Structure formats: structure tokens, C-alpha cells
Amino acid sequence: MIKQLRKVGNSNALILDKPILELLGLEEDGQVQLTIKNGNLIVTPTHPKLLNPEEMSETLEYVIKKRKKVLRRLAQ
């Protein structure tokens, strides 16, 4: 999935869609740990909200359906 950085004041922000936040167990204003490893930025929730498997499956299906074209291009 490709996301665009957005200018916010003197900084840039990465906007995450609600389904992505739900998959990560994050809520609005949640905190994340940022790690850089081998040139990659890794975003990890510090206090994730636990999801039950059914909720996670439904959310994942929604994200896959919404981003089907992008996911297909990434898989090639």
C-alpha cells in the first residue's frame, strides 16, 4: 500500500485509514513506537487494543476489498 505524506505545519504526517488503525489495534491519539531498521520505518503500537479474531477478519476483508488494485500491483 502506498501512502502520501501530508504537510502539517512545519512537519509531514502519514495519515492512516481507520481500517488500518483497527488492524493494528490503535485508536485515535494512540501512541506508536517508531524504529528504523535496514532503511525501513517500522511503526509499532505501544498499547494496542486487542481485537477478537472475527473483528480482525472483517476489517482485513474490508481493507483487501478497498485496496484490491494496489495489493495486486504490489504482489507482482
N, C-alpha and C. Protein backbone atom coordinates (compact mmCIF):
# COMPACT_ATOMS: atom_id res chain seq x y z
N MET A 1 0.84 -1.17 0.00
CA MET A 1 0.00 0.00 0.00
C MET A 1 0.89 1.23 0.00
N ILE A 2 0.60 2.15 -0.85
CA ILE A 2 1.37 3.39 -0.93
C ILE A 2 0.55 4.51 -0.31
N LYS A 3 1.17 5.27 0.58
CA LYS A 3 0.50 6.39 1.24
C LYS A 3 1.30 7.66 0.94
N GLN A 4 0.62 8.78 0.90
CA GLN A 4 1.23 10.09 0.62
C GLN A 4 1.47 10.82 1.94
N LEU A 5 2.64 11.39 2.12
CA LEU A 5 2.89 12.24 3.28
C LEU A 5 2.17 13.56 3.06
N ARG A 6 1.62 14.12 4.13
CA ARG A 6 0.88 15.38 4.06
C ARG A 6 1.56 16.43 4.93
N LYS A 7 1.64 17.63 4.41
CA LYS A 7 2.24 18.74 5.16
C LYS A 7 1.31 19.15 6.30
N VAL A 8 1.87 19.23 7.50
CA VAL A 8 1.13 19.66 8.69
C VAL A 8 2.05 20.62 9.43
N GLY A 9 1.80 21.93 9.30
CA GLY A 9 2.71 22.91 9.90
C GLY A 9 4.08 22.80 9.26
N ASN A 10 5.13 22.66 10.09
CA ASN A 10 6.49 22.51 9.59
C ASN A 10 6.90 21.05 9.47
N SER A 11 5.96 20.14 9.61
CA SER A 11 6.25 18.70 9.58
C SER A 11 5.46 18.03 8.47
N ASN A 12 5.68 16.74 8.32
CA ASN A 12 4.90 15.90 7.42
C ASN A 12 4.21 14.83 8.24
N ALA A 13 3.00 14.46 7.82
CA ALA A 13 2.23 13.45 8.54
C ALA A 13 1.89 12.29 7.61
N LEU A 14 1.84 11.12 8.17
CA LEU A 14 1.39 9.93 7.46
C LEU A 14 -0.02 9.64 7.98
N ILE A 15 -1.01 9.75 7.11
CA ILE A 15 -2.41 9.57 7.50
C ILE A 15 -2.75 8.09 7.32
N LEU A 16 -3.22 7.46 8.41
CA LEU A 16 -3.59 6.05 8.36
C LEU A 16 -5.11 5.93 8.36
N ASP A 17 -5.63 5.13 7.44
CA ASP A 17 -7.07 4.90 7.35
C ASP A 17 -7.57 4.16 8.59
N LYS A 18 -8.83 4.39 8.91
CA LYS A 18 -9.44 3.76 10.08
C LYS A 18 -9.28 2.23 10.07
N PRO A 19 -9.50 1.54 8.94
CA PRO A 19 -9.33 0.08 8.95
C PRO A 19 -7.91 -0.35 9.30
N ILE A 20 -6.92 0.43 8.88
CA ILE A 20 -5.53 0.10 9.21
C ILE A 20 -5.31 0.28 10.72
N LEU A 21 -5.84 1.37 11.26
CA LEU A 21 -5.73 1.58 12.71
C LEU A 21 -6.38 0.43 13.47
N GLU A 22 -7.53 -0.02 12.99
CA GLU A 22 -8.22 -1.12 13.65
C GLU A 22 -7.41 -2.42 13.59
N LEU A 23 -6.80 -2.68 12.42
CA LEU A 23 -5.97 -3.89 12.30
C LEU A 23 -4.79 -3.85 13.26
N LEU A 24 -4.25 -2.66 13.49
CA LEU A 24 -3.12 -2.51 14.41
C LEU A 24 -3.54 -2.43 15.86
N GLY A 25 -4.84 -2.32 16.09
CA GLY A 25 -5.32 -2.17 17.46
C GLY A 25 -5.07 -0.78 18.01
N LEU A 26 -5.02 0.21 17.11
CA LEU A 26 -4.79 1.59 17.51
C LEU A 26 -6.08 2.38 17.52
N GLU A 27 -6.15 3.37 18.39
CA GLU A 27 -7.28 4.28 18.43
C GLU A 27 -6.76 5.68 18.16
N GLU A 28 -7.68 6.60 17.87
CA GLU A 28 -7.30 7.99 17.63
C GLU A 28 -6.47 8.50 18.81
N ASP A 29 -5.41 9.22 18.52
CA ASP A 29 -4.48 9.76 19.51
C ASP A 29 -3.65 8.67 20.21
N GLY A 30 -3.66 7.45 19.68
CA GLY A 30 -2.84 6.38 20.25
C GLY A 30 -1.36 6.65 20.01
N GLN A 31 -0.53 6.01 20.79
CA GLN A 31 0.92 6.19 20.67
C GLN A 31 1.53 5.02 19.91
N VAL A 32 2.57 5.33 19.13
CA VAL A 32 3.30 4.31 18.39
C VAL A 32 4.79 4.45 18.65
N GLN A 33 5.48 3.34 18.52
CA GLN A 33 6.94 3.31 18.62
C GLN A 33 7.47 3.29 17.20
N LEU A 34 8.37 4.21 16.86
CA LEU A 34 8.98 4.25 15.53
C LEU A 34 10.38 3.67 15.61
N THR A 35 10.69 2.73 14.72
CA THR A 35 12.00 2.10 14.66
C THR A 35 12.47 2.12 13.22
N ILE A 36 13.74 2.40 13.02
CA ILE A 36 14.32 2.34 11.69
C ILE A 36 15.27 1.15 11.65
N LYS A 37 15.01 0.22 10.72
CA LYS A 37 15.83 -0.99 10.60
C LYS A 37 16.08 -1.26 9.12
N ASN A 38 17.34 -1.31 8.75
CA ASN A 38 17.74 -1.57 7.36
C ASN A 38 17.05 -0.60 6.38
N GLY A 39 16.95 0.66 6.78
CA GLY A 39 16.36 1.67 5.91
C GLY A 39 14.84 1.64 5.85
N ASN A 40 14.20 0.84 6.69
CA ASN A 40 12.74 0.76 6.74
C ASN A 40 12.22 1.37 8.03
N LEU A 41 11.10 2.05 7.92
CA LEU A 41 10.44 2.61 9.08
C LEU A 41 9.42 1.59 9.57
N ILE A 42 9.53 1.20 10.83
CA ILE A 42 8.61 0.23 11.43
C ILE A 42 7.78 0.97 12.47
N VAL A 43 6.46 0.89 12.33
CA VAL A 43 5.53 1.56 13.24
C VAL A 43 4.86 0.47 14.08
N THR A 44 5.04 0.54 15.40
CA THR A 44 4.50 -0.48 16.30
C THR A 44 3.65 0.20 17.37
N PRO A 45 2.43 -0.28 17.58
CA PRO A 45 1.60 0.30 18.64
C PRO A 45 2.24 0.07 20.01
N THR A 46 2.22 1.09 20.87
CA THR A 46 2.78 0.92 22.21
C THR A 46 1.78 0.24 23.14
N HIS A 47 0.51 0.52 22.96
CA HIS A 47 -0.55 -0.08 23.79
C HIS A 47 -1.70 -0.49 22.87
N PRO A 48 -1.52 -1.56 22.09
CA PRO A 48 -2.57 -1.92 21.13
C PRO A 48 -3.85 -2.39 21.81
N LYS A 49 -4.96 -2.03 21.20
CA LYS A 49 -6.27 -2.52 21.64
C LYS A 49 -6.42 -3.91 21.02
N LEU A 50 -6.68 -4.90 21.84
CA LEU A 50 -6.80 -6.26 21.32
C LEU A 50 -8.12 -6.45 20.58
N LEU A 51 -8.03 -7.08 19.42
CA LEU A 51 -9.21 -7.38 18.62
C LEU A 51 -9.51 -8.87 18.70
N ASN A 52 -10.77 -9.19 18.63
CA ASN A 52 -11.08 -10.61 18.55
C ASN A 52 -10.89 -11.06 17.11
N PRO A 53 -10.64 -12.33 16.88
CA PRO A 53 -10.35 -12.82 15.51
C PRO A 53 -11.44 -12.48 14.49
N GLU A 54 -12.70 -12.48 14.90
CA GLU A 54 -13.79 -12.16 13.96
C GLU A 54 -13.71 -10.71 13.50
N GLU A 55 -13.48 -9.78 14.44
CA GLU A 55 -13.35 -8.36 14.08
C GLU A 55 -12.16 -8.16 13.15
N MET A 56 -11.06 -8.82 13.47
CA MET A 56 -9.85 -8.67 12.66
C MET A 56 -10.10 -9.19 11.25
N SER A 57 -10.76 -10.32 11.13
CA SER A 57 -11.06 -10.90 9.82
C SER A 57 -11.94 -9.96 9.00
N GLU A 58 -12.97 -9.41 9.62
CA GLU A 58 -13.86 -8.48 8.91
C GLU A 58 -13.12 -7.24 8.45
N THR A 59 -12.28 -6.70 9.31
CA THR A 59 -11.52 -5.50 8.96
C THR A 59 -10.53 -5.79 7.84
N LEU A 60 -9.87 -6.93 7.92
CA LEU A 60 -8.91 -7.31 6.88
C LEU A 60 -9.62 -7.48 5.54
N GLU A 61 -10.77 -8.11 5.52
CA GLU A 61 -11.55 -8.26 4.29
C GLU A 61 -11.90 -6.90 3.70
N TYR A 62 -12.29 -5.95 4.56
CA TYR A 62 -12.64 -4.61 4.11
C TYR A 62 -11.43 -3.93 3.45
N VAL A 63 -10.27 -4.01 4.10
CA VAL A 63 -9.07 -3.38 3.56
C VAL A 63 -8.68 -4.02 2.23
N ILE A 64 -8.74 -5.33 2.16
CA ILE A 64 -8.38 -6.03 0.92
C ILE A 64 -9.33 -5.62 -0.21
N LYS A 65 -10.63 -5.55 0.09
CA LYS A 65 -11.61 -5.17 -0.92
C LYS A 65 -11.37 -3.73 -1.39
N LYS A 66 -11.13 -2.83 -0.44
CA LYS A 66 -10.95 -1.41 -0.77
C LYS A 66 -9.65 -1.17 -1.54
N ARG A 67 -8.60 -1.91 -1.22
CA ARG A 67 -7.28 -1.69 -1.83
C ARG A 67 -6.86 -2.82 -2.76
N LYS A 68 -7.83 -3.51 -3.35
CA LYS A 68 -7.56 -4.68 -4.18
C LYS A 68 -6.57 -4.40 -5.31
N LYS A 69 -6.77 -3.30 -6.04
CA LYS A 69 -5.89 -2.98 -7.17
C LYS A 69 -4.46 -2.73 -6.71
N VAL A 70 -4.30 -1.98 -5.64
CA VAL A 70 -2.96 -1.67 -5.13
C VAL A 70 -2.27 -2.94 -4.65
N LEU A 71 -2.98 -3.76 -3.91
CA LEU A 71 -2.41 -5.01 -3.40
C LEU A 71 -2.01 -5.93 -4.55
N ARG A 72 -2.80 -5.98 -5.60
CA ARG A 72 -2.47 -6.81 -6.76
C ARG A 72 -1.18 -6.32 -7.42
N ARG A 73 -1.04 -4.99 -7.57
CA ARG A 73 0.19 -4.44 -8.16
C ARG A 73 1.40 -4.73 -7.29
N LEU A 74 1.24 -4.63 -5.97
CA LEU A 74 2.36 -4.91 -5.06
C LEU A 74 2.79 -6.37 -5.14
N ALA A 75 1.85 -7.26 -5.38
CA ALA A 75 2.15 -8.69 -5.41
C ALA A 75 2.90 -9.10 -6.68
N GLN A 76 2.86 -8.26 -7.72
CA GLN A 76 3.52 -8.62 -8.99
C GLN A 76 5.00 -8.45 -8.92
